[in-house]
Protein backbone atom coordinates (compact mmCIF):
# COMPACT_ATOMS: atom_id res chain seq x y z
CA MET A 1 2.96 6.10 29.42
CA PRO A 2 3.44 5.98 25.54
CA LEU A 3 7.24 6.24 24.17
CA PRO A 4 8.84 9.51 23.16
CA THR A 5 8.36 9.99 19.62
CA PRO A 6 10.65 11.66 17.24
CA PRO A 7 9.27 14.94 15.11
CA LEU A 8 7.34 13.05 12.11
CA ALA A 9 9.95 12.89 8.89
CA PRO A 10 8.70 14.72 5.20
CA THR A 11 5.43 13.95 3.83
CA THR A 12 6.07 12.21 0.16
CA VAL A 13 3.72 13.49 -2.28
CA VAL A 14 3.90 12.03 -5.83
CA GLY A 15 1.27 13.40 -8.79
CA ALA A 16 0.52 16.76 -7.13
CA HIS A 17 0.07 18.13 -10.57
CA ASN A 18 -2.63 16.09 -11.40
CA TYR A 19 -4.79 17.77 -9.34
CA PRO A 20 -5.81 21.79 -7.88
CA ASP A 21 -2.87 23.02 -5.67
CA ASP A 22 -5.60 23.19 -2.83
CA LEU A 23 -6.96 19.98 -3.05
CA VAL A 24 -3.17 18.75 -2.97
CA ALA A 25 -3.03 21.32 0.63
CA ALA A 26 -5.54 19.17 1.48
CA ILE A 27 -4.63 15.78 1.26
CA VAL A 28 -1.68 16.59 2.26
CA ARG A 29 -2.87 18.04 5.65
CA ALA A 30 -5.25 15.03 6.18
CA THR A 31 -1.98 12.68 6.68
CA GLU A 32 -0.12 14.79 8.85
CA ALA A 33 -2.90 15.09 10.84
CA ALA A 34 -3.44 11.28 10.83
CA ALA A 35 0.27 10.98 11.77
CA SER A 36 0.18 13.79 13.97
CA ALA A 37 -3.13 12.37 15.94
CA CYS A 38 -2.05 9.08 17.23
CA LEU A 39 1.59 9.64 18.31
CA PRO A 40 0.32 9.50 21.68
CA LEU A 41 -0.47 5.62 21.81
CA VAL A 42 3.00 5.03 19.63
CA GLY A 43 4.82 2.55 21.88
CA SER A 44 1.76 2.13 24.36
CA GLY A 45 0.85 -0.99 22.62
CA ASP A 46 -3.03 -0.50 21.74
CA LYS A 47 -3.02 -1.10 17.93
CA ASN A 48 -7.17 -0.46 17.86
CA GLY A 49 -6.45 3.04 20.21
CA VAL A 50 -3.31 4.10 17.98
CA ASP A 51 -5.65 3.10 14.38
CA GLU A 52 -9.14 5.06 15.94
CA LEU A 53 -7.05 8.33 16.77
CA ALA A 54 -5.46 8.08 12.93
CA VAL A 55 -9.33 7.59 11.57
CA ALA A 56 -10.91 9.96 13.10
CA ALA A 57 -8.23 12.71 12.42
CA MET A 58 -8.29 12.10 8.66
CA ARG A 59 -12.14 11.19 8.54
CA ASP A 60 -12.61 15.16 9.95
CA ALA A 61 -9.77 16.62 7.61
CA LEU A 62 -10.97 14.81 4.37
CA GLY A 63 -14.36 15.77 4.92
CA ARG A 64 -13.40 19.48 4.24
CA ALA A 65 -11.34 18.63 1.40
CA PRO A 66 -12.56 20.75 -1.92
CA PHE A 67 -13.12 17.27 -3.55
CA ASP A 68 -16.24 14.93 -4.14
CA GLY A 69 -14.46 11.69 -2.68
CA THR A 70 -15.93 7.91 -2.58
CA VAL A 71 -13.48 5.41 -0.98
CA VAL A 72 -13.34 2.63 -2.73
CA ILE A 73 -10.06 1.45 -0.84
CA GLY A 74 -10.94 1.59 3.09
CA GLU A 75 -9.31 -0.35 5.78
CA GLY A 76 -10.06 -2.46 8.97
CA GLU A 77 -13.09 -4.78 7.54
CA LYS A 78 -10.83 -7.57 7.66
CA ASP A 79 -9.68 -7.35 10.97
CA GLU A 80 -12.76 -5.24 12.66
CA ALA A 81 -10.46 -2.44 13.32
CA PRO A 82 -11.14 1.42 13.16
CA MET A 83 -11.79 2.60 9.48
CA LEU A 84 -13.19 4.51 6.83
CA ALA A 85 -15.31 2.59 5.50
CA ASN A 86 -15.88 1.54 1.56
CA GLY A 87 -18.46 3.60 0.01
CA GLU A 88 -18.30 6.33 2.37
CA ARG A 89 -18.61 10.29 0.85
CA LEU A 90 -15.50 12.29 1.88
CA GLY A 91 -15.41 15.99 0.66
CA THR A 92 -17.09 19.36 0.43
CA GLY A 93 -18.46 18.12 -3.10
CA ALA A 94 -17.39 21.15 -4.87
CA GLY A 95 -13.75 19.78 -7.13
CA PRO A 96 -12.86 16.91 -8.45
CA VAL A 97 -15.11 13.62 -8.34
CA CYS A 98 -12.66 10.91 -6.67
CA ASP A 99 -11.54 7.28 -6.05
CA VAL A 100 -10.27 7.72 -2.76
CA ALA A 101 -8.23 4.78 -1.09
CA VAL A 102 -7.03 5.73 2.15
CA ASP A 103 -5.15 3.94 4.94
CA PRO A 104 -5.29 6.58 8.43
CA LEU A 105 -2.13 3.89 10.20
CA ASP A 106 -0.28 1.59 7.10
CA GLY A 107 1.24 -0.93 10.28
CA THR A 108 -0.97 -0.41 13.55
CA ARG A 109 1.14 -2.90 14.78
CA LEU A 110 4.41 -0.85 14.48
CA ALA A 111 3.02 2.25 15.53
CA ALA A 112 1.96 0.45 18.89
CA GLU A 113 5.22 -0.77 19.27
CA ASN A 114 7.34 2.60 18.13
CA LEU A 115 9.29 0.52 15.15
CA PRO A 116 9.75 1.84 11.45
CA GLY A 117 7.19 1.16 8.92
CA ALA A 118 4.31 3.06 9.67
CA VAL A 119 2.53 5.52 8.00
CA ALA A 120 -0.20 7.77 6.80
CA VAL A 121 -1.36 7.55 3.78
CA ILE A 122 -4.31 8.64 0.23
CA ALA A 123 -4.54 8.27 -3.05
CA LEU A 124 -6.80 9.72 -5.07
CA ALA A 125 -8.10 8.94 -9.03
CA PRO A 126 -10.54 9.65 -11.23
CA ARG A 127 -13.81 8.21 -10.43
CA GLY A 128 -14.44 4.69 -11.50
CA SER A 129 -10.74 4.16 -11.90
CA MET A 130 -9.92 2.08 -8.96
CA PHE A 131 -9.78 -1.67 -8.99
CA ASP A 132 -12.60 -2.49 -5.86
CA PRO A 133 -11.87 -5.67 -3.97
CA ARG A 134 -14.74 -5.72 -1.96
CA ASP A 135 -14.91 -9.47 -0.31
CA VAL A 136 -10.95 -10.55 -1.24
CA PHE A 137 -8.90 -9.12 1.58
CA TYR A 138 -5.44 -10.23 0.04
CA MET A 139 -3.31 -10.34 -2.51
CA GLN A 140 -0.32 -11.73 -4.18
CA LYS A 141 1.53 -8.57 -5.52
CA LEU A 142 4.51 -8.57 -6.86
CA ILE A 143 6.35 -5.24 -7.35
CA ALA A 144 9.17 -3.23 -8.92
CA GLY A 145 11.08 -0.34 -10.59
CA ALA A 146 10.29 0.33 -14.60
CA ALA A 147 13.41 -2.35 -15.90
CA ALA A 148 10.89 -5.06 -14.57
CA VAL A 149 8.38 -3.82 -16.94
CA GLY A 150 7.91 -6.60 -19.78
CA VAL A 151 10.37 -9.26 -17.58
CA LEU A 152 8.60 -9.93 -14.28
CA ASP A 153 5.57 -12.02 -14.08
CA VAL A 154 3.56 -12.83 -10.90
CA LEU A 155 2.78 -16.70 -11.92
CA ALA A 156 6.39 -17.27 -12.70
CA SER A 157 8.46 -18.85 -9.63
CA ALA A 158 10.91 -16.68 -7.70
CA THR A 159 13.93 -18.02 -8.94
CA GLN A 160 12.45 -17.21 -12.99
CA ASN A 161 11.77 -13.49 -11.37
CA ALA A 162 15.12 -13.06 -9.21
CA THR A 163 16.86 -14.09 -12.61
CA ARG A 164 14.93 -11.74 -14.41
CA LEU A 165 15.01 -9.34 -12.43
CA ALA A 166 18.68 -9.43 -11.84
CA ASP A 167 19.77 -9.63 -15.57
CA ALA A 168 16.98 -6.76 -16.48
CA LEU A 169 18.85 -4.64 -13.41
CA GLY A 170 22.43 -5.60 -15.42
CA LYS A 171 23.53 -6.75 -11.34
CA PRO A 172 24.91 -10.09 -10.16
CA ILE A 173 22.12 -12.08 -8.39
CA ASP A 174 23.50 -11.65 -4.72
CA ASP A 175 23.12 -7.73 -5.38
CA LEU A 176 19.69 -8.18 -5.13
CA VAL A 177 17.56 -7.30 -2.10
CA VAL A 178 14.03 -8.61 -2.47
CA GLY A 179 11.51 -7.54 0.62
CA VAL A 180 8.97 -10.30 1.60
CA LEU A 181 6.09 -9.56 4.60
CA ASP A 182 7.76 -11.63 7.57
CA LYS A 183 4.82 -14.41 7.13
CA PRO A 184 4.76 -17.90 7.47
CA ARG A 185 3.29 -18.02 4.25
CA HIS A 186 6.21 -16.69 2.53
CA ALA A 187 8.73 -19.50 4.01
CA SER A 188 9.63 -21.28 1.09
CA VAL A 189 9.84 -18.09 -1.03
CA VAL A 190 12.57 -17.02 1.29
CA ALA A 191 14.59 -20.44 1.08
CA GLU A 192 14.03 -19.93 -2.71
CA LEU A 193 15.55 -16.47 -3.00
CA ARG A 194 18.25 -16.61 -0.08
CA GLY A 195 19.16 -19.89 -2.09
CA LEU A 196 19.82 -18.29 -5.11
CA GLY A 197 22.21 -16.19 -2.68
CA VAL A 198 19.37 -12.86 -2.87
CA ARG A 199 19.09 -10.89 0.20
CA VAL A 200 16.20 -10.82 1.53
CA HIS A 201 14.07 -7.75 3.48
CA LEU A 202 11.86 -9.01 5.64
CA VAL A 203 9.13 -6.83 7.15
CA GLY A 204 6.87 -7.52 9.64
CA GLU A 205 4.17 -4.90 8.48
CA GLY A 206 3.87 -1.88 6.22
CA ASP A 207 3.00 -2.85 2.74
CA VAL A 208 2.92 0.18 1.84
CA SER A 209 6.28 1.54 2.82
CA ILE A 210 8.65 -1.92 1.30
CA ALA A 211 6.28 -1.07 -2.04
CA ILE A 212 7.01 2.45 -2.59
CA ALA A 213 10.63 1.21 -1.67
CA ALA A 214 10.69 -1.31 -4.68
CA ALA A 215 9.22 0.90 -7.47
CA THR A 216 11.71 3.87 -6.64
CA PRO A 217 15.26 4.33 -7.89
CA GLY A 218 18.50 3.87 -5.44
CA SER A 219 16.13 2.88 -2.69
CA GLY A 220 17.86 -0.14 -1.47
CA ILE A 221 15.00 -2.62 -2.44
CA ASP A 222 14.64 -4.05 -6.13
CA ALA A 223 11.52 -5.63 -5.97
CA VAL A 224 8.61 -7.19 -3.03
CA MET A 225 7.25 -10.48 -3.66
CA GLY A 226 4.56 -11.80 -1.50
CA THR A 227 0.77 -11.79 -0.39
CA GLY A 228 -0.41 -8.92 1.68
CA GLY A 229 -3.60 -6.82 2.44
CA THR A 230 -5.53 -5.85 -0.85
CA PRO A 231 -6.32 -2.42 0.15
CA GLU A 232 -2.92 -1.94 0.29
CA GLY A 233 -2.37 -2.98 -2.46
CA ILE A 234 -4.81 -0.49 -4.40
CA ILE A 235 -3.00 2.01 -2.55
CA ALA A 236 0.79 0.67 -3.48
CA ALA A 237 -0.79 0.38 -7.13
CA CYS A 238 -1.17 4.28 -7.00
CA ALA A 239 2.00 5.22 -5.89
CA VAL A 240 3.94 2.70 -8.32
CA ARG A 241 2.13 3.74 -11.50
CA SER A 242 2.74 8.15 -10.38
CA LEU A 243 6.51 6.44 -10.02
CA GLY A 244 6.74 4.83 -13.02
CA GLY A 245 7.13 1.63 -11.79
CA PHE A 246 5.77 -2.48 -12.17
CA MET A 247 3.49 -4.40 -10.86
CA GLN A 248 0.99 -6.77 -10.94
CA GLY A 249 -1.03 -8.41 -8.43
CA ARG A 250 -3.78 -11.78 -8.37
CA LEU A 251 -6.07 -12.48 -5.28
CA ASP A 252 -5.24 -14.79 -2.96
CA PRO A 253 -7.73 -15.57 -0.48
CA GLN A 254 -6.36 -16.69 2.91
CA SER A 255 -8.94 -19.76 3.73
CA GLU A 256 -11.73 -21.80 2.24
CA SER A 257 -14.39 -19.55 3.50
CA GLN A 258 -11.98 -16.03 2.10
CA ARG A 259 -12.26 -18.52 -0.86
CA ALA A 260 -15.57 -19.11 -1.29
CA ALA A 261 -16.74 -15.77 -0.55
CA ALA A 262 -14.18 -14.06 -3.10
CA ILE A 263 -16.08 -16.64 -6.21
CA ALA A 264 -19.87 -15.97 -4.82
CA ALA A 265 -18.83 -12.29 -5.61
CA GLY A 266 -17.62 -12.99 -9.12
CA HIS A 267 -13.58 -12.79 -8.36
CA ASP A 268 -11.79 -14.54 -10.71
CA LEU A 269 -8.61 -15.92 -8.72
CA HIS A 270 -6.96 -16.74 -11.71
CA ARG A 271 -6.57 -13.38 -13.15
CA VAL A 272 -3.93 -11.35 -13.53
CA PHE A 273 -4.26 -7.69 -12.13
CA THR A 274 -1.96 -5.11 -14.46
CA LEU A 275 -0.84 -1.96 -12.93
CA ASP A 276 -3.06 -0.26 -15.99
CA GLU A 277 -6.12 -2.48 -14.83
CA LEU A 278 -5.48 -2.28 -10.61
CA VAL A 279 -5.48 1.74 -11.25
CA GLY A 280 -6.90 2.48 -14.43
CA SER A 281 -5.82 6.66 -14.92
CA ASP A 282 -2.55 8.36 -15.00
CA ARG A 283 -3.60 11.27 -13.00
CA VAL A 284 -3.28 9.68 -9.26
CA LEU A 285 -1.97 11.65 -6.61
CA PHE A 286 -0.33 9.65 -4.17
CA VAL A 287 0.73 10.69 -0.18
CA SER A 288 2.47 9.11 2.75
CA THR A 289 3.02 11.06 5.92
CA PRO A 290 5.82 8.14 8.04
CA VAL A 291 4.58 8.35 11.33
CA THR A 292 7.57 6.19 12.73
């Protein structure tokens, strides 16, 4: 049987002033429907099962939302999980014409194991404003609050960025807290940061939640460094832009086959994407409902 799960935490809404009230309410209902639907399988160990419940509930709710939406950033392709597919049309067709970034359950393993950090998220922006990273599933990201604008550089070393950020924030480097996904590929970055005295906050999953924290003053997380999911990166960019934070990204395939596919699709793997290039509009709506 699934483990007992506490009631859902409050939903976060950023950028509600950018869209009609009825559409904002519909998007909130969609994230809350996804979060509620998967609760019966929270703690069950069934990653795909809990994801299927969230996807079905979100798709149904978005189908009734008063907008003309096209999924630019869907989730599921990199591991063949259930998904709202790229190119899928959503909404009633009446209302704002939008790009849609969705992750019905960011942190499927966290939900399946009843660990903190799983969320249901949706972001909207005007049609054509979201970067479409098709065929590339991983992105190197550098995320922080407004103080990092013009200071940090995703191509610089962890040492350079940590030192610059500590100076910009006016705090000792050993008071700096940097979020990093707990993956083998980040072993050297973690060692480098700890060698400086930086406090590293390791995250098993949940690219989006830690990105929001990094862009939110007073959250306890000063920055995020390292490579995570590209779809989650675009969703995070919507939240970071709404919060007035800093973000840069660089496509970062994790195998030779992924690299070849990215190049074949015409992507420049040396290009550094600014926040404006990841989501090219201030008219962003970001909604997130915690699951665990």
